[in-house]
Amino acid sequence: MKIEKANLNDAEQLTELAIRSKDYWNYGPIQVEEWREDLTISSKHIEEKHVYKLVNNNKLIGFYAYQLENLKAVKLSFFFIEP
């Protein structure tokens, strides 16, 4: 298992993982669909933020993203694991 910096080509796969992970909690398809935009990881997000993926045997199993708020604070914007 290893943590790697996400690349621009990972955007769709990261988004799908976020949706699967959120859907695991049985919110229902309508609610998850309403969250789709918030759960979407764009290539721009990967380019501008710190996005890292957890990979096991070349398979994506999780990811997280954060941004620096200031010299002492970090804001975690995504944290999802394969259900």
N, C-alpha and C. Protein backbone atom coordinates (compact mmCIF):
# COMPACT_ATOMS: atom_id res chain seq x y z
N MET A 1 0.84 -1.16 0.00
CA MET A 1 0.00 0.00 0.00
C MET A 1 0.90 1.24 0.00
N LYS A 2 0.50 2.24 -0.79
CA LYS A 2 1.30 3.46 -0.84
C LYS A 2 0.42 4.68 -1.11
N ILE A 3 0.91 5.82 -0.70
CA ILE A 3 0.25 7.10 -0.95
C ILE A 3 1.02 7.80 -2.05
N GLU A 4 0.28 8.26 -3.06
CA GLU A 4 0.88 8.94 -4.21
C GLU A 4 0.14 10.25 -4.46
N LYS A 5 0.83 11.23 -4.99
CA LYS A 5 0.18 12.46 -5.41
C LYS A 5 -0.73 12.13 -6.59
N ALA A 6 -1.96 12.61 -6.53
CA ALA A 6 -2.90 12.39 -7.64
C ALA A 6 -2.43 13.18 -8.86
N ASN A 7 -2.72 12.65 -10.03
CA ASN A 7 -2.42 13.38 -11.25
C ASN A 7 -3.73 13.78 -11.93
N LEU A 8 -3.65 14.65 -12.90
CA LEU A 8 -4.85 15.20 -13.54
C LEU A 8 -5.74 14.12 -14.13
N ASN A 9 -5.18 13.02 -14.56
CA ASN A 9 -5.96 11.93 -15.15
C ASN A 9 -6.76 11.14 -14.12
N ASP A 10 -6.53 11.38 -12.84
CA ASP A 10 -7.22 10.65 -11.77
C ASP A 10 -8.59 11.25 -11.43
N ALA A 11 -8.92 12.41 -11.94
CA ALA A 11 -10.11 13.14 -11.51
C ALA A 11 -11.39 12.30 -11.55
N GLU A 12 -11.66 11.65 -12.65
CA GLU A 12 -12.90 10.87 -12.78
C GLU A 12 -12.93 9.70 -11.80
N GLN A 13 -11.83 9.01 -11.68
CA GLN A 13 -11.75 7.86 -10.78
C GLN A 13 -11.91 8.29 -9.31
N LEU A 14 -11.33 9.41 -8.94
CA LEU A 14 -11.47 9.93 -7.58
C LEU A 14 -12.92 10.34 -7.30
N THR A 15 -13.55 10.98 -8.27
CA THR A 15 -14.95 11.37 -8.13
C THR A 15 -15.83 10.14 -7.94
N GLU A 16 -15.63 9.12 -8.74
CA GLU A 16 -16.43 7.90 -8.63
C GLU A 16 -16.25 7.25 -7.26
N LEU A 17 -15.02 7.24 -6.75
CA LEU A 17 -14.77 6.68 -5.43
C LEU A 17 -15.49 7.48 -4.36
N ALA A 18 -15.46 8.80 -4.44
CA ALA A 18 -16.15 9.65 -3.47
C ALA A 18 -17.64 9.35 -3.46
N ILE A 19 -18.23 9.20 -4.62
CA ILE A 19 -19.66 8.91 -4.73
C ILE A 19 -19.98 7.53 -4.15
N ARG A 20 -19.18 6.53 -4.49
CA ARG A 20 -19.40 5.18 -3.92
C ARG A 20 -19.28 5.19 -2.41
N SER A 21 -18.29 5.89 -1.92
CA SER A 21 -18.06 5.95 -0.48
C SER A 21 -19.22 6.64 0.23
N LYS A 22 -19.70 7.74 -0.30
CA LYS A 22 -20.83 8.45 0.29
C LYS A 22 -22.10 7.60 0.20
N ASP A 23 -22.28 6.93 -0.92
CA ASP A 23 -23.47 6.10 -1.14
C ASP A 23 -23.53 4.91 -0.18
N TYR A 24 -22.39 4.48 0.30
CA TYR A 24 -22.32 3.35 1.24
C TYR A 24 -23.20 3.58 2.47
N TRP A 25 -23.37 4.83 2.88
CA TRP A 25 -24.10 5.16 4.10
C TRP A 25 -25.61 5.25 3.89
N ASN A 26 -26.09 4.77 2.76
CA ASN A 26 -27.53 4.65 2.48
C ASN A 26 -28.30 5.98 2.55
N TYR A 27 -27.69 7.02 2.02
CA TYR A 27 -28.40 8.28 1.94
C TYR A 27 -29.49 8.24 0.87
N GLY A 28 -29.34 7.32 -0.07
CA GLY A 28 -30.29 7.20 -1.17
C GLY A 28 -29.78 7.90 -2.41
N PRO A 29 -30.19 7.39 -3.56
CA PRO A 29 -29.67 7.91 -4.83
C PRO A 29 -30.01 9.38 -5.08
N ILE A 30 -31.17 9.84 -4.64
CA ILE A 30 -31.54 11.23 -4.86
C ILE A 30 -30.61 12.16 -4.08
N GLN A 31 -30.37 11.84 -2.82
CA GLN A 31 -29.49 12.67 -1.99
C GLN A 31 -28.06 12.66 -2.52
N VAL A 32 -27.56 11.49 -2.86
CA VAL A 32 -26.19 11.39 -3.38
C VAL A 32 -26.06 12.18 -4.68
N GLU A 33 -27.09 12.12 -5.52
CA GLU A 33 -27.06 12.88 -6.78
C GLU A 33 -27.04 14.38 -6.49
N GLU A 34 -27.76 14.82 -5.47
CA GLU A 34 -27.74 16.24 -5.10
C GLU A 34 -26.34 16.67 -4.64
N TRP A 35 -25.56 15.74 -4.10
CA TRP A 35 -24.21 16.04 -3.64
C TRP A 35 -23.15 15.88 -4.73
N ARG A 36 -23.54 15.41 -5.89
CA ARG A 36 -22.57 15.08 -6.95
C ARG A 36 -21.58 16.21 -7.21
N GLU A 37 -22.05 17.42 -7.33
CA GLU A 37 -21.14 18.54 -7.61
C GLU A 37 -20.12 18.71 -6.48
N ASP A 38 -20.58 18.60 -5.24
CA ASP A 38 -19.67 18.73 -4.08
C ASP A 38 -18.68 17.58 -3.99
N LEU A 39 -19.06 16.41 -4.52
CA LEU A 39 -18.20 15.23 -4.47
C LEU A 39 -17.28 15.11 -5.68
N THR A 40 -17.42 16.01 -6.62
CA THR A 40 -16.63 15.95 -7.85
C THR A 40 -15.24 16.52 -7.64
N ILE A 41 -14.25 15.76 -8.05
CA ILE A 41 -12.86 16.18 -8.04
C ILE A 41 -12.49 16.52 -9.49
N SER A 42 -12.29 17.78 -9.75
CA SER A 42 -11.93 18.18 -11.12
C SER A 42 -10.41 18.16 -11.27
N SER A 43 -9.97 18.16 -12.50
CA SER A 43 -8.53 18.23 -12.74
C SER A 43 -7.99 19.57 -12.22
N LYS A 44 -8.82 20.61 -12.24
CA LYS A 44 -8.41 21.91 -11.69
C LYS A 44 -8.18 21.80 -10.19
N HIS A 45 -9.04 21.05 -9.49
CA HIS A 45 -8.87 20.84 -8.05
C HIS A 45 -7.54 20.13 -7.78
N ILE A 46 -7.26 19.12 -8.57
CA ILE A 46 -6.00 18.38 -8.41
C ILE A 46 -4.81 19.30 -8.68
N GLU A 47 -4.95 20.15 -9.65
CA GLU A 47 -3.88 21.06 -10.03
C GLU A 47 -3.63 22.13 -8.95
N GLU A 48 -4.69 22.60 -8.32
CA GLU A 48 -4.58 23.73 -7.39
C GLU A 48 -4.45 23.33 -5.92
N LYS A 49 -4.89 22.13 -5.55
CA LYS A 49 -4.88 21.70 -4.14
C LYS A 49 -3.90 20.54 -3.98
N HIS A 50 -3.77 20.11 -2.77
CA HIS A 50 -2.94 18.95 -2.46
C HIS A 50 -3.86 17.72 -2.43
N VAL A 51 -3.76 16.88 -3.44
CA VAL A 51 -4.63 15.71 -3.54
C VAL A 51 -3.74 14.47 -3.61
N TYR A 52 -3.99 13.52 -2.70
CA TYR A 52 -3.20 12.30 -2.62
C TYR A 52 -4.10 11.09 -2.64
N LYS A 53 -3.64 10.04 -3.27
CA LYS A 53 -4.43 8.82 -3.37
C LYS A 53 -3.73 7.67 -2.66
N LEU A 54 -4.54 6.77 -2.13
CA LEU A 54 -4.04 5.56 -1.49
C LEU A 54 -4.24 4.43 -2.48
N VAL A 55 -3.14 3.74 -2.81
CA VAL A 55 -3.15 2.71 -3.84
C VAL A 55 -2.63 1.41 -3.24
N ASN A 56 -3.32 0.31 -3.56
CA ASN A 56 -2.88 -1.01 -3.13
C ASN A 56 -2.88 -1.93 -4.34
N ASN A 57 -1.75 -2.49 -4.68
CA ASN A 57 -1.63 -3.34 -5.87
C ASN A 57 -2.15 -2.64 -7.12
N ASN A 58 -1.76 -1.39 -7.29
CA ASN A 58 -2.15 -0.56 -8.44
C ASN A 58 -3.64 -0.27 -8.51
N LYS A 59 -4.36 -0.45 -7.40
CA LYS A 59 -5.80 -0.18 -7.36
C LYS A 59 -6.06 0.96 -6.37
N LEU A 60 -6.80 1.96 -6.83
CA LEU A 60 -7.17 3.08 -5.98
C LEU A 60 -8.11 2.59 -4.88
N ILE A 61 -7.76 2.86 -3.62
CA ILE A 61 -8.63 2.45 -2.51
C ILE A 61 -9.01 3.62 -1.60
N GLY A 62 -8.49 4.80 -1.86
CA GLY A 62 -8.86 5.95 -1.05
C GLY A 62 -8.14 7.20 -1.54
N PHE A 63 -8.56 8.33 -1.01
CA PHE A 63 -7.86 9.58 -1.32
C PHE A 63 -8.23 10.65 -0.31
N TYR A 64 -7.40 11.66 -0.26
CA TYR A 64 -7.69 12.83 0.56
C TYR A 64 -7.17 14.07 -0.16
N ALA A 65 -7.71 15.22 0.23
CA ALA A 65 -7.27 16.48 -0.36
C ALA A 65 -7.29 17.54 0.74
N TYR A 66 -6.34 18.43 0.65
CA TYR A 66 -6.29 19.52 1.63
C TYR A 66 -5.74 20.77 0.99
N GLN A 67 -5.93 21.86 1.70
CA GLN A 67 -5.35 23.13 1.27
C GLN A 67 -4.79 23.83 2.49
N LEU A 68 -3.77 24.59 2.28
CA LEU A 68 -3.16 25.36 3.36
C LEU A 68 -3.99 26.63 3.58
N GLU A 69 -4.48 26.81 4.79
CA GLU A 69 -5.25 28.00 5.12
C GLU A 69 -4.34 29.16 5.48
N ASN A 70 -3.29 28.86 6.22
CA ASN A 70 -2.28 29.84 6.59
C ASN A 70 -1.05 29.05 7.07
N LEU A 71 -0.11 29.69 7.70
CA LEU A 71 1.11 29.01 8.11
C LEU A 71 0.89 27.96 9.21
N LYS A 72 -0.25 28.03 9.91
CA LYS A 72 -0.50 27.12 11.01
C LYS A 72 -1.72 26.22 10.83
N ALA A 73 -2.46 26.39 9.75
CA ALA A 73 -3.71 25.66 9.59
C ALA A 73 -3.82 25.01 8.21
N VAL A 74 -4.38 23.81 8.23
CA VAL A 74 -4.64 23.06 7.00
C VAL A 74 -6.12 22.70 7.01
N LYS A 75 -6.77 22.81 5.87
CA LYS A 75 -8.18 22.45 5.75
C LYS A 75 -8.30 21.19 4.92
N LEU A 76 -8.85 20.13 5.53
CA LEU A 76 -9.10 18.87 4.83
C LEU A 76 -10.40 19.02 4.06
N SER A 77 -10.34 18.88 2.74
CA SER A 77 -11.54 19.07 1.92
C SER A 77 -12.16 17.76 1.45
N PHE A 78 -11.38 16.70 1.36
CA PHE A 78 -11.89 15.39 0.98
C PHE A 78 -11.14 14.32 1.75
N PHE A 79 -11.85 13.27 2.12
CA PHE A 79 -11.23 12.09 2.74
C PHE A 79 -12.18 10.93 2.51
N PHE A 80 -11.87 10.06 1.56
CA PHE A 80 -12.76 8.97 1.20
C PHE A 80 -11.96 7.67 1.05
N ILE A 81 -12.60 6.59 1.49
CA ILE A 81 -12.04 5.24 1.39
C ILE A 81 -13.02 4.37 0.63
N GLU A 82 -12.51 3.44 -0.14
CA GLU A 82 -13.37 2.49 -0.86
C GLU A 82 -14.22 1.73 0.17
N PRO A 83 -15.54 1.70 -0.04
CA PRO A 83 -16.40 1.01 0.94
C PRO A 83 -16.10 -0.49 1.05
